[in-house]
Amino acid sequence: MTAIGDYYHTFTLEISELDKWKIISEIKKSKNFIKSNTEIIDISSLTNKYTGQEVIQNYESRGFFVKKIFSPVGEGFAPIYRIITIDKKSNTLVFEEIDE
C-alpha cells in the first residue's frame, strides 16, 4: 500500500561470481554482522524515524545475505530505507529504496 508522497524503487542486477563474493565478504566482515538462526529486528524501530541516527544492519538468512540502511533525514521528511539483497544460489543482487 502506498500513499501520496510514498516512493519505492527497486532493481535487480546480475553480477559476477567475484563481485558476489566481494559483497558477501564485506557484509560478513562488518562489525554488526548477524549470523543466520538469529532473530532479525526491524531496524526502523531502533532509532527515531525523523531525528535519529542512521542504522545499518548486515545479516545472513537462509537464502540471502542482506544489508539494510535506515536513514532519518529530519523532522517532517520521510526517512530513507535501503535494502541490498544477495542471493546465495545465483549471482543476483536486488536493490530496494523506500521513502516512507
PDB file of N, CA and C in Angstrom:
ATOM      1  N   MET A   1       0.843  -1.174   0.000  1.00  0.00           N
ATOM      2  CA  MET A   1       0.000   0.000   0.000  1.00  0.00           C
ATOM      3  C   MET A   1       0.887   1.235   0.000  1.00  0.00           C
ATOM      4  N   THR A   2       0.536   2.228  -0.761  1.00  0.00           N
ATOM      5  CA  THR A   2       1.289   3.469  -0.794  1.00  0.00           C
ATOM      6  C   THR A   2       0.334   4.634  -0.667  1.00  0.00           C
ATOM      7  N   ALA A   3       0.890   5.763  -0.302  1.00  0.00           N
ATOM      8  CA  ALA A   3       0.111   6.989  -0.183  1.00  0.00           C
ATOM      9  C   ALA A   3       0.816   8.081  -0.965  1.00  0.00           C
ATOM     10  N   ILE A   4       0.161   9.223  -1.103  1.00  0.00           N
ATOM     11  CA  ILE A   4       0.782  10.344  -1.792  1.00  0.00           C
ATOM     12  C   ILE A   4       2.097  10.671  -1.097  1.00  0.00           C
ATOM     13  N   GLY A   5       3.138  10.761  -1.867  1.00  0.00           N
ATOM     14  CA  GLY A   5       4.448  11.076  -1.304  1.00  0.00           C
ATOM     15  C   GLY A   5       5.309   9.852  -1.052  1.00  0.00           C
ATOM     16  N   ASP A   6       4.704   8.650  -1.003  1.00  0.00           N
ATOM     17  CA  ASP A   6       5.499   7.448  -0.828  1.00  0.00           C
ATOM     18  C   ASP A   6       6.322   7.196  -2.092  1.00  0.00           C
ATOM     19  N   TYR A   7       7.489   6.596  -1.911  1.00  0.00           N
ATOM     20  CA  TYR A   7       8.372   6.325  -3.037  1.00  0.00           C
ATOM     21  C   TYR A   7       8.967   4.944  -2.838  1.00  0.00           C
ATOM     22  N   TYR A   8       8.936   4.133  -3.875  1.00  0.00           N
ATOM     23  CA  TYR A   8       9.523   2.803  -3.826  1.00  0.00           C
ATOM     24  C   TYR A   8      10.240   2.562  -5.144  1.00  0.00           C
ATOM     25  N   HIS A   9      11.513   2.201  -5.052  1.00  0.00           N
ATOM     26  CA  HIS A   9      12.308   1.953  -6.244  1.00  0.00           C
ATOM     27  C   HIS A   9      13.052   0.637  -6.044  1.00  0.00           C
ATOM     28  N   THR A  10      13.041  -0.218  -7.046  1.00  0.00           N
ATOM     29  CA  THR A  10      13.768  -1.471  -6.953  1.00  0.00           C
ATOM     30  C   THR A  10      14.364  -1.832  -8.315  1.00  0.00           C
ATOM     31  N   PHE A  11      15.500  -2.500  -8.259  1.00  0.00           N
ATOM     32  CA  PHE A  11      16.049  -3.061  -9.490  1.00  0.00           C
ATOM     33  C   PHE A  11      16.855  -4.304  -9.135  1.00  0.00           C
ATOM     34  N   THR A  12      17.016  -5.156 -10.126  1.00  0.00           N
ATOM     35  CA  THR A  12      17.750  -6.407  -9.972  1.00  0.00           C
ATOM     36  C   THR A  12      18.910  -6.417 -10.945  1.00  0.00           C
ATOM     37  N   LEU A  13      20.077  -6.824 -10.451  1.00  0.00           N
ATOM     38  CA  LEU A  13      21.279  -6.898 -11.286  1.00  0.00           C
ATOM     39  C   LEU A  13      21.831  -8.309 -11.289  1.00  0.00           C
ATOM     40  N   GLU A  14      22.315  -8.737 -12.426  1.00  0.00           N
ATOM     41  CA  GLU A  14      23.121  -9.947 -12.497  1.00  0.00           C
ATOM     42  C   GLU A  14      24.570  -9.497 -12.311  1.00  0.00           C
ATOM     43  N   ILE A  15      25.243 -10.066 -11.322  1.00  0.00           N
ATOM     44  CA  ILE A  15      26.619  -9.683 -11.027  1.00  0.00           C
ATOM     45  C   ILE A  15      27.531 -10.890 -11.225  1.00  0.00           C
ATOM     46  N   SER A  16      28.821 -10.617 -11.314  1.00  0.00           N
ATOM     47  CA  SER A  16      29.780 -11.709 -11.496  1.00  0.00           C
ATOM     48  C   SER A  16      29.925 -12.482 -10.184  1.00  0.00           C
ATOM     49  N   GLU A  17      30.416 -13.693 -10.295  1.00  0.00           N
ATOM     50  CA  GLU A  17      30.677 -14.523  -9.111  1.00  0.00           C
ATOM     51  C   GLU A  17      31.683 -13.821  -8.188  1.00  0.00           C
ATOM     52  N   LEU A  18      32.707 -13.201  -8.772  1.00  0.00           N
ATOM     53  CA  LEU A  18      33.703 -12.483  -7.989  1.00  0.00           C
ATOM     54  C   LEU A  18      33.075 -11.312  -7.230  1.00  0.00           C
ATOM     55  N   ASP A  19      32.262 -10.519  -7.902  1.00  0.00           N
ATOM     56  CA  ASP A  19      31.591  -9.400  -7.233  1.00  0.00           C
ATOM     57  C   ASP A  19      30.656  -9.889  -6.136  1.00  0.00           C
ATOM     58  N   LYS A  20      29.952 -10.979  -6.400  1.00  0.00           N
ATOM     59  CA  LYS A  20      29.055 -11.552  -5.393  1.00  0.00           C
ATOM     60  C   LYS A  20      29.828 -11.878  -4.117  1.00  0.00           C
ATOM     61  N   TRP A  21      30.968 -12.538  -4.243  1.00  0.00           N
ATOM     62  CA  TRP A  21      31.729 -12.936  -3.056  1.00  0.00           C
ATOM     63  C   TRP A  21      32.410 -11.749  -2.382  1.00  0.00           C
ATOM     64  N   LYS A  22      32.755 -10.722  -3.143  1.00  0.00           N
ATOM     65  CA  LYS A  22      33.297  -9.498  -2.532  1.00  0.00           C
ATOM     66  C   LYS A  22      32.241  -8.827  -1.652  1.00  0.00           C
ATOM     67  N   ILE A  23      31.012  -8.742  -2.153  1.00  0.00           N
ATOM     68  CA  ILE A  23      29.938  -8.106  -1.389  1.00  0.00           C
ATOM     69  C   ILE A  23      29.587  -8.948  -0.170  1.00  0.00           C
ATOM     70  N   ILE A  24      29.495 -10.255  -0.339  1.00  0.00           N
ATOM     71  CA  ILE A  24      29.206 -11.138   0.802  1.00  0.00           C
ATOM     72  C   ILE A  24      30.299 -11.018   1.854  1.00  0.00           C
ATOM     73  N   SER A  25      31.544 -10.966   1.421  1.00  0.00           N
ATOM     74  CA  SER A  25      32.661 -10.818   2.354  1.00  0.00           C
ATOM     75  C   SER A  25      32.560  -9.508   3.133  1.00  0.00           C
ATOM     76  N   GLU A  26      32.196  -8.429   2.448  1.00  0.00           N
ATOM     77  CA  GLU A  26      32.035  -7.131   3.111  1.00  0.00           C
ATOM     78  C   GLU A  26      30.918  -7.189   4.161  1.00  0.00           C
ATOM     79  N   ILE A  27      29.823  -7.835   3.818  1.00  0.00           N
ATOM     80  CA  ILE A  27      28.715  -7.975   4.772  1.00  0.00           C
ATOM     81  C   ILE A  27      29.158  -8.796   5.975  1.00  0.00           C
ATOM     82  N   LYS A  28      29.823  -9.941   5.740  1.00  0.00           N
ATOM     83  CA  LYS A  28      30.228 -10.820   6.831  1.00  0.00           C
ATOM     84  C   LYS A  28      31.302 -10.205   7.723  1.00  0.00           C
ATOM     85  N   LYS A  29      32.145  -9.322   7.176  1.00  0.00           N
ATOM     86  CA  LYS A  29      33.210  -8.680   7.961  1.00  0.00           C
ATOM     87  C   LYS A  29      32.723  -7.484   8.776  1.00  0.00           C
ATOM     88  N   SER A  30      31.501  -7.030   8.519  1.00  0.00           N
ATOM     89  CA  SER A  30      31.002  -5.851   9.230  1.00  0.00           C
ATOM     90  C   SER A  30      30.899  -6.151  10.730  1.00  0.00           C
ATOM     91  N   LYS A  31      31.119  -5.121  11.541  1.00  0.00           N
ATOM     92  CA  LYS A  31      31.135  -5.308  12.998  1.00  0.00           C
ATOM     93  C   LYS A  31      29.765  -5.680  13.562  1.00  0.00           C
ATOM     94  N   ASN A  32      28.717  -5.411  12.827  1.00  0.00           N
ATOM     95  CA  ASN A  32      27.370  -5.712  13.316  1.00  0.00           C
ATOM     96  C   ASN A  32      26.730  -6.888  12.579  1.00  0.00           C
ATOM     97  N   PHE A  33      27.533  -7.763  11.972  1.00  0.00           N
ATOM     98  CA  PHE A  33      27.003  -8.895  11.210  1.00  0.00           C
ATOM     99  C   PHE A  33      26.245  -9.850  12.122  1.00  0.00           C
ATOM    100  N   ILE A  34      25.046 -10.244  11.665  1.00  0.00           N
ATOM    101  CA  ILE A  34      24.206 -11.180  12.404  1.00  0.00           C
ATOM    102  C   ILE A  34      24.127 -12.469  11.594  1.00  0.00           C
ATOM    103  N   LYS A  35      24.567 -13.580  12.197  1.00  0.00           N
ATOM    104  CA  LYS A  35      24.540 -14.865  11.509  1.00  0.00           C
ATOM    105  C   LYS A  35      23.115 -15.395  11.427  1.00  0.00           C
ATOM    106  N   SER A  36      22.914 -16.330  10.503  1.00  0.00           N
ATOM    107  CA  SER A  36      21.584 -16.934  10.362  1.00  0.00           C
ATOM    108  C   SER A  36      21.197 -17.613  11.673  1.00  0.00           C
ATOM    109  N   ASN A  37      19.934 -17.905  11.822  1.00  0.00           N
ATOM    110  CA  ASN A  37      19.361 -18.504  13.031  1.00  0.00           C
ATOM    111  C   ASN A  37      19.280 -17.519  14.194  1.00  0.00           C
ATOM    112  N   THR A  38      19.437 -16.230  13.920  1.00  0.00           N
ATOM    113  CA  THR A  38      19.281 -15.190  14.920  1.00  0.00           C
ATOM    114  C   THR A  38      18.093 -14.336  14.524  1.00  0.00           C
ATOM    115  N   GLU A  39      17.298 -13.934  15.510  1.00  0.00           N
ATOM    116  CA  GLU A  39      16.137 -13.099  15.202  1.00  0.00           C
ATOM    117  C   GLU A  39      16.596 -11.741  14.683  1.00  0.00           C
ATOM    118  N   ILE A  40      15.992 -11.312  13.599  1.00  0.00           N
ATOM    119  CA  ILE A  40      16.328 -10.036  12.980  1.00  0.00           C
ATOM    120  C   ILE A  40      15.279  -9.000  13.401  1.00  0.00           C
ATOM    121  N   ILE A  41      15.735  -7.921  14.019  1.00  0.00           N
ATOM    122  CA  ILE A  41      14.858  -6.847  14.470  1.00  0.00           C
ATOM    123  C   ILE A  41      14.687  -5.833  13.347  1.00  0.00           C
ATOM    124  N   ASP A  42      13.477  -5.291  13.198  1.00  0.00           N
ATOM    125  CA  ASP A  42      13.234  -4.242  12.209  1.00  0.00           C
ATOM    126  C   ASP A  42      14.059  -3.021  12.601  1.00  0.00           C
ATOM    127  N   ILE A  43      15.000  -2.618  11.748  1.00  0.00           N
ATOM    128  CA  ILE A  43      15.922  -1.544  12.123  1.00  0.00           C
ATOM    129  C   ILE A  43      15.252  -0.191  12.263  1.00  0.00           C
ATOM    130  N   SER A  44      14.101  -0.007  11.637  1.00  0.00           N
ATOM    131  CA  SER A  44      13.427   1.286  11.779  1.00  0.00           C
ATOM    132  C   SER A  44      12.938   1.517  13.196  1.00  0.00           C
ATOM    133  N   SER A  45      12.851   0.451  13.993  1.00  0.00           N
ATOM    134  CA  SER A  45      12.424   0.592  15.389  1.00  0.00           C
ATOM    135  C   SER A  45      13.592   0.917  16.327  1.00  0.00           C
ATOM    136  N   LEU A  46      14.807   0.953  15.803  1.00  0.00           N
ATOM    137  CA  LEU A  46      15.991   1.166  16.633  1.00  0.00           C
ATOM    138  C   LEU A  46      16.412   2.629  16.759  1.00  0.00           C
ATOM    139  N   THR A  47      15.711   3.520  16.079  1.00  0.00           N
ATOM    140  CA  THR A  47      16.061   4.939  16.115  1.00  0.00           C
ATOM    141  C   THR A  47      14.805   5.764  15.881  1.00  0.00           C
ATOM    142  N   ASN A  48      14.871   7.039  16.218  1.00  0.00           N
ATOM    143  CA  ASN A  48      13.756   7.931  15.918  1.00  0.00           C
ATOM    144  C   ASN A  48      13.691   8.094  14.411  1.00  0.00           C
ATOM    145  N   LYS A  49      12.519   7.877  13.816  1.00  0.00           N
ATOM    146  CA  LYS A  49      12.422   7.850  12.350  1.00  0.00           C
ATOM    147  C   LYS A  49      12.603   9.205  11.693  1.00  0.00           C
ATOM    148  N   TYR A  50      12.654  10.289  12.485  1.00  0.00           N
ATOM    149  CA  TYR A  50      12.861  11.629  11.908  1.00  0.00           C
ATOM    150  C   TYR A  50      14.186  12.258  12.334  1.00  0.00           C
ATOM    151  N   THR A  51      14.542  12.102  13.601  1.00  0.00           N
ATOM    152  CA  THR A  51      15.711  12.822  14.106  1.00  0.00           C
ATOM    153  C   THR A  51      16.821  11.901  14.613  1.00  0.00           C
ATOM    154  N   GLY A  52      16.647  10.592  14.467  1.00  0.00           N
ATOM    155  CA  GLY A  52      17.633   9.644  14.982  1.00  0.00           C
ATOM    156  C   GLY A  52      18.852   9.497  14.086  1.00  0.00           C
ATOM    157  N   GLN A  53      19.741   8.630  14.518  1.00  0.00           N
ATOM    158  CA  GLN A  53      20.959   8.318  13.777  1.00  0.00           C
ATOM    159  C   GLN A  53      20.675   7.261  12.716  1.00  0.00           C
ATOM    160  N   GLU A  54      21.491   7.249  11.677  1.00  0.00           N
ATOM    161  CA  GLU A  54      21.398   6.204  10.659  1.00  0.00           C
ATOM    162  C   GLU A  54      21.714   4.862  11.311  1.00  0.00           C
ATOM    163  N   VAL A  55      20.976   3.823  10.923  1.00  0.00           N
ATOM    164  CA  VAL A  55      21.177   2.480  11.456  1.00  0.00           C
ATOM    165  C   VAL A  55      21.474   1.550  10.284  1.00  0.00           C
ATOM    166  N   ILE A  56      22.506   0.715  10.446  1.00  0.00           N
ATOM    167  CA  ILE A  56      22.884  -0.239   9.411  1.00  0.00           C
ATOM    168  C   ILE A  56      22.827  -1.642  10.001  1.00  0.00           C
ATOM    169  N   GLN A  57      22.276  -2.556   9.229  1.00  0.00           N
ATOM    170  CA  GLN A  57      22.137  -3.936   9.676  1.00  0.00           C
ATOM    171  C   GLN A  57      22.653  -4.850   8.573  1.00  0.00           C
ATOM    172  N   ASN A  58      23.519  -5.783   8.930  1.00  0.00           N
ATOM    173  CA  ASN A  58      24.065  -6.760   7.990  1.00  0.00           C
ATOM    174  C   ASN A  58      23.772  -8.144   8.538  1.00  0.00           C
ATOM    175  N   TYR A  59      23.159  -9.006   7.717  1.00  0.00           N
ATOM    176  CA  TYR A  59      22.843 -10.326   8.237  1.00  0.00           C
ATOM    177  C   TYR A  59      22.749 -11.370   7.125  1.00  0.00           C
ATOM    178  N   GLU A  60      22.732 -12.619   7.579  1.00  0.00           N
ATOM    179  CA  GLU A  60      22.574 -13.763   6.702  1.00  0.00           C
ATOM    180  C   GLU A  60      21.248 -14.432   7.039  1.00  0.00           C
ATOM    181  N   SER A  61      20.473 -14.730   6.024  1.00  0.00           N
ATOM    182  CA  SER A  61      19.253 -15.510   6.211  1.00  0.00           C
ATOM    183  C   SER A  61      19.450 -16.850   5.513  1.00  0.00           C
ATOM    184  N   ARG A  62      18.421 -17.646   5.470  1.00  0.00           N
ATOM    185  CA  ARG A  62      18.531 -18.973   4.866  1.00  0.00           C
ATOM    186  C   ARG A  62      19.005 -18.918   3.406  1.00  0.00           C
ATOM    187  N   GLY A  63      18.504 -17.974   2.615  1.00  0.00           N
ATOM    188  CA  GLY A  63      18.859 -17.952   1.199  1.00  0.00           C
ATOM    189  C   GLY A  63      19.579 -16.718   0.717  1.00  0.00           C
ATOM    190  N   PHE A  64      19.849 -15.750   1.639  1.00  0.00           N
ATOM    191  CA  PHE A  64      20.383 -14.461   1.206  1.00  0.00           C
ATOM    192  C   PHE A  64      21.373 -13.876   2.210  1.00  0.00           C
ATOM    193  N   PHE A  65      22.189 -12.956   1.709  1.00  0.00           N
ATOM    194  CA  PHE A  65      22.937 -12.038   2.554  1.00  0.00           C
ATOM    195  C   PHE A  65      22.300 -10.675   2.338  1.00  0.00           C
ATOM    196  N   VAL A  66      22.115  -9.917   3.422  1.00  0.00           N
ATOM    197  CA  VAL A  66      21.339  -8.686   3.344  1.00  0.00           C
ATOM    198  C   VAL A  66      22.062  -7.550   4.069  1.00  0.00           C
ATOM    199  N   LYS A  67      22.019  -6.371   3.464  1.00  0.00           N
ATOM    200  CA  LYS A  67      22.472  -5.129   4.098  1.00  0.00           C
ATOM    201  C   LYS A  67      21.291  -4.175   4.064  1.00  0.00           C
ATOM    202  N   LYS A  68      20.893  -3.679   5.249  1.00  0.00           N
ATOM    203  CA  LYS A  68      19.798  -2.710   5.352  1.00  0.00           C
ATOM    204  C   LYS A  68      20.339  -1.423   5.948  1.00  0.00           C
ATOM    205  N   ILE A  69      19.881  -0.317   5.407  1.00  0.00           N
ATOM    206  CA  ILE A  69      20.287   1.005   5.896  1.00  0.00           C
ATOM    207  C   ILE A  69      19.016   1.821   6.097  1.00  0.00           C
ATOM    208  N   PHE A  70      18.831   2.325   7.323  1.00  0.00           N
ATOM    209  CA  PHE A  70      17.686   3.176   7.635  1.00  0.00           C
ATOM    210  C   PHE A  70      18.229   4.555   7.996  1.00  0.00           C
ATOM    211  N   SER A  71      17.840   5.566   7.210  1.00  0.00           N
ATOM    212  CA  SER A  71      18.403   6.914   7.369  1.00  0.00           C
ATOM    213  C   SER A  71      17.307   7.950   7.608  1.00  0.00           C
ATOM    214  N   PRO A  72      17.158   8.414   8.863  1.00  0.00           N
ATOM    215  CA  PRO A  72      16.268   9.553   9.107  1.00  0.00           C
ATOM    216  C   PRO A  72      16.858  10.801   8.451  1.00  0.00           C
ATOM    217  N   VAL A  73      16.003  11.666   7.895  1.00  0.00           N
ATOM    218  CA  VAL A  73      16.511  12.856   7.202  1.00  0.00           C
ATOM    219  C   VAL A  73      15.945  14.156   7.765  1.00  0.00           C
ATOM    220  N   GLY A  74      15.285  14.087   8.909  1.00  0.00           N
ATOM    221  CA  GLY A  74      14.816  15.317   9.532  1.00  0.00           C
ATOM    222  C   GLY A  74      13.316  15.332   9.764  1.00  0.00           C
ATOM    223  N   GLU A  75      12.925  16.137  10.727  1.00  0.00           N
ATOM    224  CA  GLU A  75      11.510  16.283  11.086  1.00  0.00           C
ATOM    225  C   GLU A  75      10.703  16.729   9.872  1.00  0.00           C
ATOM    226  N   GLY A  76       9.596  16.044   9.638  1.00  0.00           N
ATOM    227  CA  GLY A  76       8.721  16.403   8.529  1.00  0.00           C
ATOM    228  C   GLY A  76       9.098  15.775   7.195  1.00  0.00           C
ATOM    229  N   PHE A  77      10.197  15.009   7.164  1.00  0.00           N
ATOM    230  CA  PHE A  77      10.633  14.358   5.928  1.00  0.00           C
ATOM    231  C   PHE A  77      10.617  12.845   6.104  1.00  0.00           C
ATOM    232  N   ALA A  78      10.298  12.138   5.044  1.00  0.00           N
ATOM    233  CA  ALA A  78      10.257  10.677   5.089  1.00  0.00           C
ATOM    234  C   ALA A  78      11.662  10.109   5.223  1.00  0.00           C
ATOM    235  N   PRO A  79      11.860   9.166   6.140  1.00  0.00           N
ATOM    236  CA  PRO A  79      13.162   8.505   6.243  1.00  0.00           C
ATOM    237  C   PRO A  79      13.416   7.652   5.000  1.00  0.00           C
ATOM    238  N   ILE A  80      14.679   7.366   4.737  1.00  0.00           N
ATOM    239  CA  ILE A  80      15.063   6.552   3.590  1.00  0.00           C
ATOM    240  C   ILE A  80      15.482   5.176   4.097  1.00  0.00           C
ATOM    241  N   TYR A  81      14.941   4.160   3.468  1.00  0.00           N
ATOM    242  CA  TYR A  81      15.194   2.775   3.853  1.00  0.00           C
ATOM    243  C   TYR A  81      15.738   2.064   2.622  1.00  0.00           C
ATOM    244  N   ARG A  82      17.000   1.592   2.694  1.00  0.00           N
ATOM    245  CA  ARG A  82      17.629   0.901   1.567  1.00  0.00           C
ATOM    246  C   ARG A  82      17.920  -0.542   1.957  1.00  0.00           C
ATOM    247  N   ILE A  83      17.662  -1.448   1.023  1.00  0.00           N
ATOM    248  CA  ILE A  83      17.891  -2.866   1.270  1.00  0.00           C
ATOM    249  C   ILE A  83      18.640  -3.441   0.068  1.00  0.00           C
ATOM    250  N   ILE A  84      19.776  -4.079   0.344  1.00  0.00           N
ATOM    251  CA  ILE A  84      20.559  -4.742  -0.690  1.00  0.00           C
ATOM    252  C   ILE A  84      20.566  -6.227  -0.342  1.00  0.00           C
ATOM    253  N   THR A  85      20.097  -7.050  -1.286  1.00  0.00           N
ATOM    254  CA  THR A  85      19.978  -8.481  -1.041  1.00  0.00           C
ATOM    255  C   THR A  85      20.797  -9.245  -2.079  1.00  0.00           C
ATOM    256  N   ILE A  86      21.626 -10.167  -1.592  1.00  0.00           N
ATOM    257  CA  ILE A  86      22.440 -11.019  -2.455  1.00  0.00           C
ATOM    258  C   ILE A  86      21.931 -12.456  -2.318  1.00  0.00           C
ATOM    259  N   ASP A  87      21.509 -13.036  -3.419  1.00  0.00           N
ATOM    260  CA  ASP A  87      21.010 -14.404  -3.420  1.00  0.00           C
ATOM    261  C   ASP A  87      22.183 -15.376  -3.290  1.00  0.00           C
ATOM    262  N   LYS A  88      22.075 -16.356  -2.389  1.00  0.00           N
ATOM    263  CA  LYS A  88      23.151 -17.324  -2.193  1.00  0.00           C
ATOM    264  C   LYS A  88      23.301 -18.283  -3.378  1.00  0.00           C
ATOM    265  N   LYS A  89      22.195 -18.580  -4.062  1.00  0.00           N
ATOM    266  CA  LYS A  89      22.215 -19.596  -5.111  1.00  0.00           C
ATOM    267  C   LYS A  89      22.485 -19.044  -6.511  1.00  0.00           C
ATOM    268  N   SER A  90      22.308 -17.742  -6.689  1.00  0.00           N
ATOM    269  CA  SER A  90      22.536 -17.155  -8.014  1.00  0.00           C
ATOM    270  C   SER A  90      23.376 -15.894  -7.864  1.00  0.00           C
ATOM    271  N   ASN A  91      23.768 -15.332  -8.961  1.00  0.00           N
ATOM    272  CA  ASN A  91      24.551 -14.095  -8.950  1.00  0.00           C
ATOM    273  C   ASN A  91      23.626 -12.901  -9.122  1.00  0.00           C
ATOM    274  N   THR A  92      22.643 -12.807  -8.234  1.00  0.00           N
ATOM    275  CA  THR A  92      21.629 -11.766  -8.327  1.00  0.00           C
ATOM    276  C   THR A  92      21.715 -10.836  -7.126  1.00  0.00           C
ATOM    277  N   LEU A  93      21.723  -9.549  -7.415  1.00  0.00           N
ATOM    278  CA  LEU A  93      21.671  -8.505  -6.398  1.00  0.00           C
ATOM    279  C   LEU A  93      20.364  -7.741  -6.608  1.00  0.00           C
ATOM    280  N   VAL A  94      19.613  -7.557  -5.524  1.00  0.00           N
ATOM    281  CA  VAL A  94      18.382  -6.771  -5.582  1.00  0.00           C
ATOM    282  C   VAL A  94      18.577  -5.542  -4.703  1.00  0.00           C
ATOM    283  N   PHE A  95      18.302  -4.369  -5.252  1.00  0.00           N
ATOM    284  CA  PHE A  95      18.385  -3.105  -4.528  1.00  0.00           C
ATOM    285  C   PHE A  95      16.980  -2.554  -4.396  1.00  0.00           C
ATOM    286  N   GLU A  96      16.621  -2.149  -3.177  1.00  0.00           N
ATOM    287  CA  GLU A  96      15.323  -1.513  -2.928  1.00  0.00           C
ATOM    288  C   GLU A  96      15.568  -0.221  -2.171  1.00  0.00           C
ATOM    289  N   GLU A  97      14.837   0.826  -2.526  1.00  0.00           N
ATOM    290  CA  GLU A  97      14.872   2.076  -1.780  1.00  0.00           C
ATOM    291  C   GLU A  97      13.438   2.513  -1.538  1.00  0.00           C
ATOM    292  N   ILE A  98      13.149   2.781  -0.273  1.00  0.00           N
ATOM    293  CA  ILE A  98      11.790   3.124   0.138  1.00  0.00           C
ATOM    294  C   ILE A  98      11.856   4.428   0.931  1.00  0.00           C
ATOM    295  N   ASP A  99      11.077   5.413   0.537  1.00  0.00           N
ATOM    296  CA  ASP A  99      10.889   6.630   1.327  1.00  0.00           C
ATOM    297  C   ASP A  99       9.478   6.522   1.880  1.00  0.00           C
ATOM    298  N   GLU A 100       9.391   6.352   3.183  1.00  0.00           N
ATOM    299  CA  GLU A 100       8.086   6.113   3.804  1.00  0.00           C
ATOM    300  C   GLU A 100       7.408   7.427   4.068  1.00  0.00           C
TER     301      GLU A 100
END
